[in-house]
Amino acid sequence: MSDFLSQFGEELKKNVSGYIAVAVTEIKSGISYYSDSVLADFDPELAAAYNLEVVKAKLKAIEALNLNQSIDNIMITLTSQLHIVDVSDDNQYFIYLAVDSTKSNLGMTKALLNKYKNSLSGKL
């Protein structure tokens, strides 16, 4: 599995403009199966751990409200970064992606992330 995830990470790094970091994390356990950052002081596993709490809170809210919905993605816009949390269709894992908003195109970033997420389906 690690070879496949390494290839996944390399594809994101190569093709997503403004790429900063990525982590693939299991929701139930909080274990990050893969993480990478181009910035030495940016810890994607730590960022994923905090974003895991956001995902869990939103899943609980959906359940409490009896909504027949699922999370597609959660986007957080910072001053010069975009943080996207893309949850798998089965709510088993999420991809955390950080990009430099001054160098990226949101539509292209989300399209590429969705493409790569679909390639992970069934392999995790």
C-alpha atoms as a PDB file:
ATOM      1  CA  MET A   1       0.000   0.000   0.000  1.00  0.00           C
ATOM      2  CA  SER A   2       2.826   2.425   0.756  1.00  0.00           C
ATOM      3  CA  ASP A   3       4.115   2.282  -2.848  1.00  0.00           C
ATOM      4  CA  PHE A   4       0.683   3.185  -4.163  1.00  0.00           C
ATOM      5  CA  LEU A   5       0.323   6.043  -1.676  1.00  0.00           C
ATOM      6  CA  SER A   6       3.811   7.308  -2.484  1.00  0.00           C
ATOM      7  CA  GLN A   7       2.868   7.396  -6.162  1.00  0.00           C
ATOM      8  CA  PHE A   8      -0.390   9.168  -5.236  1.00  0.00           C
ATOM      9  CA  GLY A   9       1.577  11.800  -3.278  1.00  0.00           C
ATOM     10  CA  GLU A  10       4.092  12.302  -6.058  1.00  0.00           C
ATOM     11  CA  GLU A  11       1.306  12.803  -8.607  1.00  0.00           C
ATOM     12  CA  LEU A  12      -0.305  15.451  -6.419  1.00  0.00           C
ATOM     13  CA  LYS A  13       3.018  17.193  -5.809  1.00  0.00           C
ATOM     14  CA  LYS A  14       3.834  17.192  -9.516  1.00  0.00           C
ATOM     15  CA  ASN A  15       0.426  18.248 -10.844  1.00  0.00           C
ATOM     16  CA  VAL A  16      -1.198  20.525  -8.249  1.00  0.00           C
ATOM     17  CA  SER A  17      -0.002  24.109  -8.595  1.00  0.00           C
ATOM     18  CA  GLY A  18       1.021  25.647  -5.294  1.00  0.00           C
ATOM     19  CA  TYR A  19       1.239  22.256  -3.562  1.00  0.00           C
ATOM     20  CA  ILE A  20       2.324  22.540   0.079  1.00  0.00           C
ATOM     21  CA  ALA A  21       1.353  19.306   1.828  1.00  0.00           C
ATOM     22  CA  VAL A  22      -0.868  16.248   1.843  1.00  0.00           C
ATOM     23  CA  ALA A  23      -1.910  13.558   4.307  1.00  0.00           C
ATOM     24  CA  VAL A  24      -4.148  10.516   3.891  1.00  0.00           C
ATOM     25  CA  THR A  25      -5.754   9.694   7.228  1.00  0.00           C
ATOM     26  CA  GLU A  26      -8.119   7.012   8.482  1.00  0.00           C
ATOM     27  CA  ILE A  27     -11.092   8.595  10.256  1.00  0.00           C
ATOM     28  CA  LYS A  28     -11.727   5.819  12.790  1.00  0.00           C
ATOM     29  CA  SER A  29      -8.167   5.493  14.117  1.00  0.00           C
ATOM     30  CA  GLY A  30      -6.658   8.856  13.180  1.00  0.00           C
ATOM     31  CA  ILE A  31      -3.657   7.094  11.638  1.00  0.00           C
ATOM     32  CA  SER A  32      -2.064   8.896   8.703  1.00  0.00           C
ATOM     33  CA  TYR A  33      -1.106   6.315   6.094  1.00  0.00           C
ATOM     34  CA  TYR A  34       0.806   8.838   4.035  1.00  0.00           C
ATOM     35  CA  SER A  35       2.026  12.385   4.479  1.00  0.00           C
ATOM     36  CA  ASP A  36       4.333  14.750   2.633  1.00  0.00           C
ATOM     37  CA  SER A  37       5.237  18.424   2.766  1.00  0.00           C
ATOM     38  CA  VAL A  38       7.476  20.637   0.681  1.00  0.00           C
ATOM     39  CA  LEU A  39       7.917  22.949   3.683  1.00  0.00           C
ATOM     40  CA  ALA A  40      10.150  21.710   6.492  1.00  0.00           C
ATOM     41  CA  ASP A  41       8.125  23.511   9.164  1.00  0.00           C
ATOM     42  CA  PHE A  42       4.693  22.325   7.936  1.00  0.00           C
ATOM     43  CA  ASP A  43       3.630  19.051   9.592  1.00  0.00           C
ATOM     44  CA  PRO A  44       0.790  17.531   7.534  1.00  0.00           C
ATOM     45  CA  GLU A  45       0.144  14.765  10.079  1.00  0.00           C
ATOM     46  CA  LEU A  46      -0.418  17.344  12.813  1.00  0.00           C
ATOM     47  CA  ALA A  47      -2.684  19.343  10.508  1.00  0.00           C
ATOM     48  CA  ALA A  48      -4.600  16.168   9.633  1.00  0.00           C
ATOM     49  CA  ALA A  49      -5.027  15.333  13.335  1.00  0.00           C
ATOM     50  CA  TYR A  50      -6.686  18.696  13.961  1.00  0.00           C
ATOM     51  CA  ASN A  51      -8.800  18.415  10.829  1.00  0.00           C
ATOM     52  CA  LEU A  52      -9.889  14.938  11.922  1.00  0.00           C
ATOM     53  CA  GLU A  53     -11.702  16.614  14.815  1.00  0.00           C
ATOM     54  CA  VAL A  54     -13.500  18.881  12.334  1.00  0.00           C
ATOM     55  CA  VAL A  55     -14.558  15.880  10.235  1.00  0.00           C
ATOM     56  CA  LYS A  56     -15.778  13.935  13.286  1.00  0.00           C
ATOM     57  CA  ALA A  57     -17.742  16.943  14.548  1.00  0.00           C
ATOM     58  CA  LYS A  58     -19.410  17.405  11.160  1.00  0.00           C
ATOM     59  CA  LEU A  59     -20.271  13.691  10.918  1.00  0.00           C
ATOM     60  CA  LYS A  60     -21.868  13.908  14.385  1.00  0.00           C
ATOM     61  CA  ALA A  61     -23.828  17.011  13.359  1.00  0.00           C
ATOM     62  CA  ILE A  62     -25.121  15.268  10.232  1.00  0.00           C
ATOM     63  CA  GLU A  63     -26.232  12.324  12.364  1.00  0.00           C
ATOM     64  CA  ALA A  64     -27.820  14.506  15.065  1.00  0.00           C
ATOM     65  CA  LEU A  65     -29.794  16.428  12.459  1.00  0.00           C
ATOM     66  CA  ASN A  66     -30.909  13.202  10.756  1.00  0.00           C
ATOM     67  CA  LEU A  67     -29.614  14.460   7.450  1.00  0.00           C
ATOM     68  CA  ASN A  68     -29.373  11.990   4.635  1.00  0.00           C
ATOM     69  CA  GLN A  69     -26.123  13.611   3.515  1.00  0.00           C
ATOM     70  CA  SER A  70     -22.425  12.910   3.405  1.00  0.00           C
ATOM     71  CA  ILE A  71     -19.383  15.160   3.446  1.00  0.00           C
ATOM     72  CA  ASP A  72     -17.853  15.756   0.048  1.00  0.00           C
ATOM     73  CA  ASN A  73     -15.156  18.144   1.193  1.00  0.00           C
ATOM     74  CA  ILE A  74     -14.428  20.857   3.708  1.00  0.00           C
ATOM     75  CA  MET A  75     -12.497  23.870   2.542  1.00  0.00           C
ATOM     76  CA  ILE A  76     -10.718  26.304   4.816  1.00  0.00           C
ATOM     77  CA  THR A  77      -9.463  29.524   3.273  1.00  0.00           C
ATOM     78  CA  LEU A  78      -6.541  31.158   5.061  1.00  0.00           C
ATOM     79  CA  THR A  79      -4.774  34.379   4.123  1.00  0.00           C
ATOM     80  CA  SER A  80      -2.480  32.754   1.557  1.00  0.00           C
ATOM     81  CA  GLN A  81      -3.365  29.057   1.748  1.00  0.00           C
ATOM     82  CA  LEU A  82      -6.263  26.772   0.968  1.00  0.00           C
ATOM     83  CA  HIS A  83      -6.761  23.671   3.095  1.00  0.00           C
ATOM     84  CA  ILE A  84      -9.043  21.066   1.591  1.00  0.00           C
ATOM     85  CA  VAL A  85     -10.306  18.038   3.507  1.00  0.00           C
ATOM     86  CA  ASP A  86     -11.767  15.566   1.023  1.00  0.00           C
ATOM     87  CA  VAL A  87     -13.669  12.706   2.676  1.00  0.00           C
ATOM     88  CA  SER A  88     -14.010   9.307   0.984  1.00  0.00           C
ATOM     89  CA  ASP A  89     -17.473   8.205  -0.092  1.00  0.00           C
ATOM     90  CA  ASP A  90     -17.528   5.522   2.613  1.00  0.00           C
ATOM     91  CA  ASN A  91     -16.369   7.935   5.374  1.00  0.00           C
ATOM     92  CA  GLN A  92     -13.392   5.681   6.110  1.00  0.00           C
ATOM     93  CA  TYR A  93     -10.563   8.111   5.339  1.00  0.00           C
ATOM     94  CA  PHE A  94      -9.863  11.648   4.219  1.00  0.00           C
ATOM     95  CA  ILE A  95      -7.259  13.434   2.171  1.00  0.00           C
ATOM     96  CA  TYR A  96      -5.929  16.644   3.660  1.00  0.00           C
ATOM     97  CA  LEU A  97      -4.364  18.936   1.062  1.00  0.00           C
ATOM     98  CA  ALA A  98      -2.761  22.344   1.615  1.00  0.00           C
ATOM     99  CA  VAL A  99      -1.922  24.624  -1.303  1.00  0.00           C
ATOM    100  CA  ASP A 100      -0.614  28.157  -1.733  1.00  0.00           C
ATOM    101  CA  SER A 101      -3.673  30.135  -2.847  1.00  0.00           C
ATOM    102  CA  THR A 102      -1.548  32.647  -4.746  1.00  0.00           C
ATOM    103  CA  LYS A 103      -0.207  29.878  -7.006  1.00  0.00           C
ATOM    104  CA  SER A 104      -3.186  27.549  -7.330  1.00  0.00           C
ATOM    105  CA  ASN A 105      -6.468  27.468  -9.195  1.00  0.00           C
ATOM    106  CA  LEU A 106      -9.254  26.209  -6.917  1.00  0.00           C
ATOM    107  CA  GLY A 107     -11.244  24.518  -9.684  1.00  0.00           C
ATOM    108  CA  MET A 108      -8.218  22.711 -11.071  1.00  0.00           C
ATOM    109  CA  THR A 109      -6.999  21.760  -7.577  1.00  0.00           C
ATOM    110  CA  LYS A 110     -10.363  20.258  -6.624  1.00  0.00           C
ATOM    111  CA  ALA A 111     -10.662  18.452  -9.970  1.00  0.00           C
ATOM    112  CA  LEU A 112      -7.205  16.894  -9.602  1.00  0.00           C
ATOM    113  CA  LEU A 113      -7.825  15.993  -5.966  1.00  0.00           C
ATOM    114  CA  ASN A 114     -11.096  14.299  -6.897  1.00  0.00           C
ATOM    115  CA  LYS A 115      -9.362  12.379  -9.690  1.00  0.00           C
ATOM    116  CA  TYR A 116      -6.650  11.135  -7.342  1.00  0.00           C
ATOM    117  CA  LYS A 117      -9.169  10.383  -4.576  1.00  0.00           C
ATOM    118  CA  ASN A 118     -11.095   8.167  -6.980  1.00  0.00           C
ATOM    119  CA  SER A 119      -7.882   6.291  -7.752  1.00  0.00           C
ATOM    120  CA  LEU A 120      -7.525   5.538  -4.021  1.00  0.00           C
ATOM    121  CA  SER A 121     -11.027   4.085  -3.691  1.00  0.00           C
ATOM    122  CA  GLY A 122     -10.906   0.408  -2.917  1.00  0.00           C
ATOM    123  CA  LYS A 123      -7.150   0.430  -2.340  1.00  0.00           C
ATOM    124  CA  LEU A 124      -7.174   1.641   1.260  1.00  0.00           C
END
